[in-house]
N, C-alpha and C. Protein backbone atom coordinates (compact mmCIF):
# COMPACT_ATOMS: atom_id res chain seq x y z
N UNK A 1 79.24 198.62 -33.09
CA UNK A 1 78.89 198.72 -34.49
C UNK A 1 77.70 199.67 -34.67
N UNK A 2 76.73 199.55 -33.79
CA UNK A 2 75.54 200.42 -33.89
C UNK A 2 75.92 201.89 -33.76
N UNK A 3 76.80 202.20 -32.83
CA UNK A 3 77.24 203.58 -32.65
C UNK A 3 77.94 204.08 -33.90
N UNK A 4 78.80 203.26 -34.47
CA UNK A 4 79.49 203.65 -35.70
C UNK A 4 78.49 203.91 -36.82
N UNK A 5 77.49 203.07 -36.93
CA UNK A 5 76.48 203.26 -37.97
C UNK A 5 75.70 204.55 -37.75
N UNK A 6 75.43 204.89 -36.50
CA UNK A 6 74.72 206.13 -36.21
C UNK A 6 75.57 207.35 -36.55
N UNK A 7 76.86 207.29 -36.23
CA UNK A 7 77.75 208.42 -36.47
C UNK A 7 78.19 208.55 -37.92
N UNK A 8 78.44 207.42 -38.57
CA UNK A 8 78.99 207.44 -39.91
C UNK A 8 77.98 207.13 -41.00
N UNK A 9 76.96 206.40 -40.65
CA UNK A 9 75.99 205.97 -41.65
C UNK A 9 76.23 204.51 -42.00
N UNK A 10 75.16 203.79 -42.12
CA UNK A 10 75.25 202.35 -42.37
C UNK A 10 75.36 202.03 -43.85
N UNK A 11 75.26 203.03 -44.71
CA UNK A 11 75.24 202.79 -46.14
C UNK A 11 76.62 202.71 -46.78
N UNK A 12 77.66 202.76 -45.97
CA UNK A 12 79.02 202.78 -46.52
C UNK A 12 79.90 201.71 -45.87
N UNK A 13 80.89 201.29 -46.63
CA UNK A 13 81.97 200.47 -46.10
C UNK A 13 83.13 201.44 -45.92
N UNK A 14 83.61 201.58 -44.68
CA UNK A 14 84.55 202.65 -44.34
C UNK A 14 86.00 202.19 -44.28
N UNK A 15 86.88 203.03 -44.81
CA UNK A 15 88.33 202.88 -44.65
C UNK A 15 88.76 203.92 -43.62
N UNK A 16 89.40 203.48 -42.53
CA UNK A 16 89.90 204.43 -41.53
C UNK A 16 91.32 204.83 -41.89
N UNK A 17 91.56 206.14 -41.94
CA UNK A 17 92.86 206.69 -42.30
C UNK A 17 93.28 207.68 -41.21
N UNK A 18 94.47 207.47 -40.66
CA UNK A 18 95.00 208.38 -39.64
C UNK A 18 96.32 208.94 -40.14
N UNK A 19 96.33 210.21 -40.48
CA UNK A 19 97.52 210.89 -40.99
C UNK A 19 98.12 211.69 -39.84
N UNK A 20 99.30 211.28 -39.38
CA UNK A 20 99.98 211.99 -38.30
C UNK A 20 101.19 212.69 -38.87
N UNK A 21 101.23 213.98 -38.71
CA UNK A 21 102.34 214.74 -39.26
C UNK A 21 103.13 215.46 -38.19
N UNK A 22 102.56 216.50 -37.61
CA UNK A 22 103.34 217.40 -36.76
C UNK A 22 103.92 216.75 -35.51
N UNK A 23 103.23 215.77 -34.94
CA UNK A 23 103.75 215.17 -33.71
C UNK A 23 104.70 214.01 -33.98
N UNK A 24 104.99 213.73 -35.24
CA UNK A 24 105.86 212.61 -35.58
C UNK A 24 107.12 213.04 -36.33
N UNK A 25 107.43 214.32 -36.31
CA UNK A 25 108.57 214.82 -37.07
C UNK A 25 109.88 214.15 -36.67
N UNK A 26 110.07 213.95 -35.39
CA UNK A 26 111.34 213.36 -34.94
C UNK A 26 111.41 211.86 -35.24
N UNK A 27 110.27 211.20 -35.38
CA UNK A 27 110.25 209.76 -35.63
C UNK A 27 110.22 209.40 -37.10
N UNK A 28 109.56 210.22 -37.89
CA UNK A 28 109.37 209.87 -39.30
C UNK A 28 109.41 211.12 -40.17
N UNK A 29 110.59 211.56 -40.48
CA UNK A 29 110.76 212.75 -41.31
C UNK A 29 110.08 212.58 -42.66
N UNK A 30 110.00 211.35 -43.14
CA UNK A 30 109.39 211.07 -44.44
C UNK A 30 107.92 211.50 -44.49
N UNK A 31 107.26 211.57 -43.32
CA UNK A 31 105.87 212.02 -43.30
C UNK A 31 105.72 213.40 -43.91
N UNK A 32 106.73 214.25 -43.76
CA UNK A 32 106.65 215.61 -44.28
C UNK A 32 106.92 215.67 -45.77
N UNK A 33 107.38 214.55 -46.34
CA UNK A 33 107.67 214.51 -47.76
C UNK A 33 106.50 213.94 -48.56
N UNK A 34 105.45 213.50 -47.89
CA UNK A 34 104.28 212.94 -48.57
C UNK A 34 103.37 214.10 -48.99
N UNK A 35 103.08 214.16 -50.26
CA UNK A 35 102.23 215.24 -50.78
C UNK A 35 100.76 214.90 -50.63
N UNK A 36 99.92 215.92 -50.78
CA UNK A 36 98.47 215.71 -50.77
C UNK A 36 98.10 214.70 -51.85
N UNK A 37 98.72 214.83 -53.01
CA UNK A 37 98.40 213.92 -54.12
C UNK A 37 98.77 212.48 -53.77
N UNK A 38 99.93 212.28 -53.13
CA UNK A 38 100.31 210.93 -52.70
C UNK A 38 99.28 210.34 -51.75
N UNK A 39 98.88 211.13 -50.76
CA UNK A 39 97.88 210.67 -49.79
C UNK A 39 96.57 210.34 -50.50
N UNK A 40 96.13 211.25 -51.35
CA UNK A 40 94.89 211.07 -52.09
C UNK A 40 94.93 209.77 -52.90
N UNK A 41 96.00 209.57 -53.65
CA UNK A 41 96.09 208.39 -54.51
C UNK A 41 96.14 207.10 -53.70
N UNK A 42 96.85 207.12 -52.58
CA UNK A 42 96.91 205.94 -51.71
C UNK A 42 95.54 205.61 -51.13
N UNK A 43 94.82 206.63 -50.70
CA UNK A 43 93.49 206.42 -50.11
C UNK A 43 92.52 205.89 -51.16
N UNK A 44 92.49 206.53 -52.33
CA UNK A 44 91.57 206.10 -53.38
C UNK A 44 91.89 204.68 -53.83
N UNK A 45 93.17 204.38 -53.96
CA UNK A 45 93.59 203.04 -54.37
C UNK A 45 93.16 201.98 -53.36
N UNK A 46 93.35 202.27 -52.06
CA UNK A 46 92.97 201.31 -51.03
C UNK A 46 91.45 201.15 -50.97
N UNK A 47 90.73 202.24 -51.13
CA UNK A 47 89.26 202.15 -51.16
C UNK A 47 88.80 201.26 -52.31
N UNK A 48 89.42 201.42 -53.46
CA UNK A 48 89.06 200.58 -54.61
C UNK A 48 89.38 199.12 -54.34
N UNK A 49 90.55 198.85 -53.77
CA UNK A 49 90.97 197.48 -53.51
C UNK A 49 90.06 196.79 -52.50
N UNK A 50 89.63 197.53 -51.48
CA UNK A 50 88.80 196.96 -50.42
C UNK A 50 87.32 197.26 -50.61
N UNK A 51 86.96 197.88 -51.71
CA UNK A 51 85.57 198.22 -52.03
C UNK A 51 84.92 199.10 -50.96
N UNK A 52 85.69 200.07 -50.49
CA UNK A 52 85.17 201.02 -49.50
C UNK A 52 84.51 202.18 -50.22
N UNK A 53 83.44 202.68 -49.65
CA UNK A 53 82.73 203.83 -50.23
C UNK A 53 82.80 205.06 -49.33
N UNK A 54 83.50 204.94 -48.22
CA UNK A 54 83.66 206.04 -47.29
C UNK A 54 85.03 206.03 -46.64
N UNK A 55 85.49 207.20 -46.23
CA UNK A 55 86.79 207.35 -45.58
C UNK A 55 86.59 208.04 -44.24
N UNK A 56 86.97 207.35 -43.16
CA UNK A 56 86.98 207.96 -41.83
C UNK A 56 88.35 208.57 -41.67
N UNK A 57 88.45 209.87 -41.91
CA UNK A 57 89.73 210.58 -42.02
C UNK A 57 90.06 211.32 -40.74
N UNK A 58 91.19 210.96 -40.15
CA UNK A 58 91.67 211.61 -38.92
C UNK A 58 93.07 212.15 -39.18
N UNK A 59 93.33 213.34 -38.68
CA UNK A 59 94.65 213.94 -38.81
C UNK A 59 94.80 215.05 -37.78
N UNK A 60 96.04 215.42 -37.52
CA UNK A 60 96.33 216.53 -36.61
C UNK A 60 96.40 217.86 -37.36
N UNK A 61 96.07 217.84 -38.65
CA UNK A 61 96.16 219.02 -39.50
C UNK A 61 94.80 219.29 -40.14
N UNK A 62 94.06 220.23 -39.58
CA UNK A 62 92.70 220.51 -40.06
C UNK A 62 92.68 221.03 -41.49
N UNK A 63 93.69 221.77 -41.88
CA UNK A 63 93.75 222.30 -43.24
C UNK A 63 93.98 221.17 -44.24
N UNK A 64 94.87 220.25 -43.91
CA UNK A 64 95.10 219.08 -44.75
C UNK A 64 93.82 218.26 -44.87
N UNK A 65 93.12 218.07 -43.76
CA UNK A 65 91.88 217.29 -43.78
C UNK A 65 90.87 217.94 -44.72
N UNK A 66 90.74 219.25 -44.68
CA UNK A 66 89.80 219.94 -45.55
C UNK A 66 90.18 219.76 -47.02
N UNK A 67 91.47 219.86 -47.32
CA UNK A 67 91.91 219.68 -48.72
C UNK A 67 91.65 218.26 -49.19
N UNK A 68 92.02 217.27 -48.37
CA UNK A 68 91.81 215.88 -48.74
C UNK A 68 90.32 215.55 -48.86
N UNK A 69 89.53 216.07 -47.92
CA UNK A 69 88.09 215.81 -47.96
C UNK A 69 87.51 216.29 -49.29
N UNK A 70 87.88 217.48 -49.72
CA UNK A 70 87.35 218.03 -50.97
C UNK A 70 87.73 217.14 -52.15
N UNK A 71 88.97 216.70 -52.20
CA UNK A 71 89.42 215.83 -53.30
C UNK A 71 88.73 214.48 -53.27
N UNK A 72 88.64 213.89 -52.09
CA UNK A 72 88.03 212.57 -51.97
C UNK A 72 86.54 212.60 -52.27
N UNK A 73 85.86 213.63 -51.79
CA UNK A 73 84.43 213.75 -52.08
C UNK A 73 84.19 213.94 -53.57
N UNK A 74 85.17 214.54 -54.25
CA UNK A 74 85.06 214.72 -55.70
C UNK A 74 85.05 213.41 -56.46
N UNK A 75 85.52 212.33 -55.83
CA UNK A 75 85.51 211.02 -56.47
C UNK A 75 84.23 210.25 -56.14
N UNK A 76 83.40 210.84 -55.28
CA UNK A 76 82.17 210.16 -54.88
C UNK A 76 82.27 209.43 -53.54
N UNK A 77 83.44 209.46 -52.92
CA UNK A 77 83.59 208.85 -51.60
C UNK A 77 82.96 209.73 -50.54
N UNK A 78 82.33 209.10 -49.56
CA UNK A 78 81.86 209.84 -48.39
C UNK A 78 83.08 210.03 -47.48
N UNK A 79 83.16 211.19 -46.81
CA UNK A 79 84.29 211.47 -45.93
C UNK A 79 83.76 212.00 -44.60
N UNK A 80 84.31 211.47 -43.51
CA UNK A 80 83.90 211.91 -42.17
C UNK A 80 84.22 213.38 -41.98
N UNK A 81 83.45 214.02 -41.12
CA UNK A 81 83.68 215.43 -40.81
C UNK A 81 84.54 215.50 -39.61
C-alpha cells in the first residue's frame, strides 16, 4: 500500500483499468468494436459508482492511453502516466 501511495499519490481512490486490444484479437473480436467514447463513459460511470477520483490506466496502445487520459483528466479525474 505504501508503494502504491508513493507512486500514485495517497489523495485519491483509484480505479484500475486494463484495456487489452491488439493481443486479444483472436479471443475477443468485440474489443475492436469498443470506441473511445464507450471506454470513457464506462470508466467515468464506474468511478462515480465507486467514488474513485483517479484511474490507474493500463493498455497495450499508447495512443489510446493518451486520448483517454486527456478525456478523463478533463473531468477532473487523476490519471496514471
